[in-house]
Structures are given as C-alpha cells and as structure tokens.
Amino acid sequence: MRVLSPCNSVCKMNENSGLCLGCWRTINEIVAWGSHSDDAKKKILALIQVRKDLAENTSSSASKFNTVDKTP
C-alpha cells in the first residue's frame, strides 16, 4: 500500500520551528518525500504525530517545537 503525503496545500514554514504549518514536516522531509521508502515515510508520519502531540501539550507557544526531534 502506497504511503500518501500529509501535504494539505497549506505550505508555509514556521520560522521558529522549521516545520510546515500545514503538514508539520521539515523542508528536507518535504523535498525528499518522493524518494523515501514507504518505511521512511511511515517514520516521518509518526514524527508528525509526535510533533502535534507535543504542541498540544505545551503551554508556551514560544517553546512548542523547540524540543521536537526533527530528524526522520
């Protein structure tokens, strides 16, 4: 089964976090998406969920993404 991109056409990068405001990926993850294996894509999708969960549980908007592991 093909792993679909999480892109939702809201393409704007957060300068503080380095993450796209729409899909929660780094620019490197976005650029390389097409060449990644399905396993690598699944790992990125898992990281996206971790990033979202951390953002929801962080009270200070200034530090929302500072502790997030951005690597696939």
N, C-alpha and C. Protein backbone atom coordinates (compact mmCIF):
# COMPACT_ATOMS: atom_id res chain seq x y z
N MET A 1 0.82 -1.18 0.00
CA MET A 1 0.00 0.00 0.00
C MET A 1 0.87 1.25 0.00
N ARG A 2 0.59 2.16 -0.89
CA ARG A 2 1.37 3.39 -1.03
C ARG A 2 1.08 4.34 0.13
N VAL A 3 2.14 4.95 0.68
CA VAL A 3 2.00 5.90 1.78
C VAL A 3 1.80 7.29 1.17
N LEU A 4 0.67 7.90 1.47
CA LEU A 4 0.33 9.19 0.90
C LEU A 4 1.00 10.33 1.65
N SER A 5 1.27 11.39 0.93
CA SER A 5 1.86 12.59 1.52
C SER A 5 0.87 13.24 2.48
N PRO A 6 1.36 13.80 3.58
CA PRO A 6 0.49 14.51 4.50
C PRO A 6 0.21 15.95 4.06
N CYS A 7 0.71 16.34 2.90
CA CYS A 7 0.52 17.71 2.41
C CYS A 7 -0.97 18.01 2.28
N ASN A 8 -1.34 19.18 2.78
CA ASN A 8 -2.73 19.61 2.66
C ASN A 8 -2.84 21.00 2.01
N SER A 9 -1.80 21.35 1.25
CA SER A 9 -1.72 22.60 0.48
C SER A 9 -1.73 23.86 1.34
N VAL A 10 -1.31 23.75 2.58
CA VAL A 10 -1.10 24.92 3.44
C VAL A 10 0.41 25.01 3.62
N CYS A 11 1.07 25.53 2.61
CA CYS A 11 2.53 25.48 2.54
C CYS A 11 3.15 26.78 3.04
N LYS A 12 3.42 26.83 4.32
CA LYS A 12 4.06 27.97 4.95
C LYS A 12 4.92 27.45 6.09
N MET A 13 6.19 27.84 6.07
CA MET A 13 7.11 27.35 7.07
C MET A 13 7.11 28.25 8.31
N ASN A 14 7.09 27.63 9.48
CA ASN A 14 7.22 28.35 10.74
C ASN A 14 8.71 28.64 10.93
N GLU A 15 9.06 29.91 11.03
CA GLU A 15 10.46 30.30 11.14
C GLU A 15 11.11 29.79 12.42
N ASN A 16 10.37 29.69 13.49
CA ASN A 16 10.93 29.23 14.77
C ASN A 16 11.18 27.73 14.79
N SER A 17 10.22 26.98 14.30
CA SER A 17 10.32 25.52 14.39
C SER A 17 10.96 24.89 13.17
N GLY A 18 10.87 25.55 12.03
CA GLY A 18 11.36 24.95 10.78
C GLY A 18 10.38 23.93 10.23
N LEU A 19 9.15 23.93 10.73
CA LEU A 19 8.13 22.98 10.30
C LEU A 19 7.07 23.69 9.46
N CYS A 20 6.52 22.97 8.50
CA CYS A 20 5.42 23.49 7.70
C CYS A 20 4.19 23.59 8.59
N LEU A 21 3.48 24.71 8.49
CA LEU A 21 2.28 24.90 9.30
C LEU A 21 1.14 23.99 8.86
N GLY A 22 1.19 23.50 7.63
CA GLY A 22 0.14 22.63 7.13
C GLY A 22 0.36 21.16 7.43
N CYS A 23 1.56 20.67 7.13
CA CYS A 23 1.80 19.22 7.23
C CYS A 23 2.77 18.82 8.35
N TRP A 24 3.35 19.80 9.01
CA TRP A 24 4.24 19.55 10.15
C TRP A 24 5.55 18.86 9.77
N ARG A 25 5.96 18.96 8.51
CA ARG A 25 7.24 18.38 8.09
C ARG A 25 8.29 19.48 7.96
N THR A 26 9.56 19.08 8.05
CA THR A 26 10.66 19.99 7.77
C THR A 26 10.79 20.14 6.26
N ILE A 27 11.50 21.15 5.82
CA ILE A 27 11.69 21.35 4.39
C ILE A 27 12.42 20.15 3.77
N ASN A 28 13.37 19.58 4.50
CA ASN A 28 14.09 18.41 3.99
C ASN A 28 13.16 17.21 3.84
N GLU A 29 12.25 17.03 4.77
CA GLU A 29 11.28 15.93 4.67
C GLU A 29 10.34 16.13 3.49
N ILE A 30 9.95 17.37 3.26
CA ILE A 30 9.06 17.68 2.13
C ILE A 30 9.76 17.41 0.81
N VAL A 31 10.96 17.93 0.67
CA VAL A 31 11.71 17.80 -0.59
C VAL A 31 12.01 16.34 -0.91
N ALA A 32 12.36 15.56 0.09
CA ALA A 32 12.78 14.17 -0.14
C ALA A 32 11.63 13.17 -0.12
N TRP A 33 10.41 13.62 0.14
CA TRP A 33 9.28 12.70 0.31
C TRP A 33 9.18 11.69 -0.83
N GLY A 34 9.24 12.15 -2.05
CA GLY A 34 9.07 11.27 -3.22
C GLY A 34 10.12 10.19 -3.35
N SER A 35 11.30 10.43 -2.82
CA SER A 35 12.38 9.45 -2.94
C SER A 35 12.50 8.53 -1.72
N HIS A 36 11.74 8.82 -0.68
CA HIS A 36 11.78 7.97 0.52
C HIS A 36 11.04 6.65 0.30
N SER A 37 11.50 5.63 0.99
CA SER A 37 10.80 4.34 1.01
C SER A 37 9.52 4.50 1.83
N ASP A 38 8.62 3.55 1.69
CA ASP A 38 7.39 3.59 2.49
C ASP A 38 7.70 3.54 3.99
N ASP A 39 8.71 2.77 4.37
CA ASP A 39 9.10 2.70 5.79
C ASP A 39 9.56 4.07 6.30
N ALA A 40 10.37 4.76 5.50
CA ALA A 40 10.84 6.09 5.90
C ALA A 40 9.67 7.07 5.98
N LYS A 41 8.74 6.97 5.05
CA LYS A 41 7.55 7.83 5.08
C LYS A 41 6.73 7.57 6.33
N LYS A 42 6.59 6.32 6.71
CA LYS A 42 5.84 5.98 7.92
C LYS A 42 6.51 6.55 9.16
N LYS A 43 7.84 6.57 9.18
CA LYS A 43 8.56 7.14 10.31
C LYS A 43 8.32 8.65 10.39
N ILE A 44 8.30 9.30 9.24
CA ILE A 44 8.02 10.74 9.21
C ILE A 44 6.60 11.00 9.69
N LEU A 45 5.65 10.20 9.24
CA LEU A 45 4.27 10.36 9.70
C LEU A 45 4.17 10.19 11.21
N ALA A 46 4.94 9.26 11.77
CA ALA A 46 4.95 9.07 13.22
C ALA A 46 5.55 10.30 13.91
N LEU A 47 6.61 10.87 13.34
CA LEU A 47 7.20 12.08 13.90
C LEU A 47 6.21 13.25 13.86
N ILE A 48 5.45 13.33 12.78
CA ILE A 48 4.43 14.38 12.67
C ILE A 48 3.46 14.27 13.85
N GLN A 49 3.02 13.07 14.15
CA GLN A 49 2.09 12.89 15.26
C GLN A 49 2.72 13.29 16.59
N VAL A 50 3.99 12.95 16.78
CA VAL A 50 4.70 13.34 18.00
C VAL A 50 4.76 14.86 18.08
N ARG A 51 5.07 15.51 16.98
CA ARG A 51 5.15 16.98 16.96
C ARG A 51 3.80 17.60 17.32
N LYS A 52 2.74 17.06 16.76
CA LYS A 52 1.40 17.58 17.05
C LYS A 52 1.06 17.37 18.53
N ASP A 53 1.35 16.19 19.04
CA ASP A 53 1.07 15.88 20.45
C ASP A 53 1.85 16.81 21.38
N LEU A 54 3.12 17.05 21.06
CA LEU A 54 3.93 17.94 21.88
C LEU A 54 3.38 19.36 21.84
N ALA A 55 2.96 19.80 20.67
CA ALA A 55 2.42 21.15 20.53
C ALA A 55 1.15 21.31 21.35
N GLU A 56 0.31 20.30 21.35
CA GLU A 56 -0.94 20.34 22.13
C GLU A 56 -0.68 20.38 23.63
N ASN A 57 0.38 19.73 24.06
CA ASN A 57 0.67 19.61 25.49
C ASN A 57 1.62 20.67 26.01
N THR A 58 2.01 21.60 25.15
CA THR A 58 2.93 22.65 25.56
C THR A 58 2.16 23.94 25.75
N SER A 59 2.29 24.53 26.91
CA SER A 59 1.51 25.73 27.19
C SER A 59 2.12 26.99 26.58
N SER A 60 3.43 27.04 26.44
CA SER A 60 4.09 28.22 25.91
C SER A 60 4.25 28.10 24.40
N SER A 61 3.64 29.00 23.66
CA SER A 61 3.72 28.94 22.20
C SER A 61 5.15 29.17 21.71
N ALA A 62 5.96 29.87 22.48
CA ALA A 62 7.33 30.14 22.06
C ALA A 62 8.19 28.88 22.09
N SER A 63 7.83 27.91 22.92
CA SER A 63 8.67 26.72 23.04
C SER A 63 8.01 25.47 22.46
N LYS A 64 6.93 25.62 21.71
CA LYS A 64 6.17 24.48 21.24
C LYS A 64 7.01 23.45 20.50
N PHE A 65 7.92 23.89 19.64
CA PHE A 65 8.63 22.95 18.79
C PHE A 65 10.10 22.82 19.14
N ASN A 66 10.56 23.52 20.14
CA ASN A 66 11.99 23.57 20.43
C ASN A 66 12.56 22.21 20.83
N THR A 67 11.77 21.34 21.41
CA THR A 67 12.30 20.07 21.88
C THR A 67 11.94 18.91 20.95
N VAL A 68 11.33 19.21 19.82
CA VAL A 68 10.89 18.17 18.91
C VAL A 68 12.06 17.67 18.07
N ASP A 69 12.19 16.37 17.99
CA ASP A 69 13.20 15.76 17.12
C ASP A 69 12.72 15.89 15.69
N LYS A 70 13.44 16.64 14.87
CA LYS A 70 13.02 16.89 13.50
C LYS A 70 13.60 15.90 12.50
N THR A 71 14.37 14.96 12.95
CA THR A 71 15.01 14.04 12.00
C THR A 71 14.14 12.83 11.74
N PRO A 72 14.15 12.36 10.46
CA PRO A 72 13.37 11.16 10.13
C PRO A 72 13.99 9.91 10.70
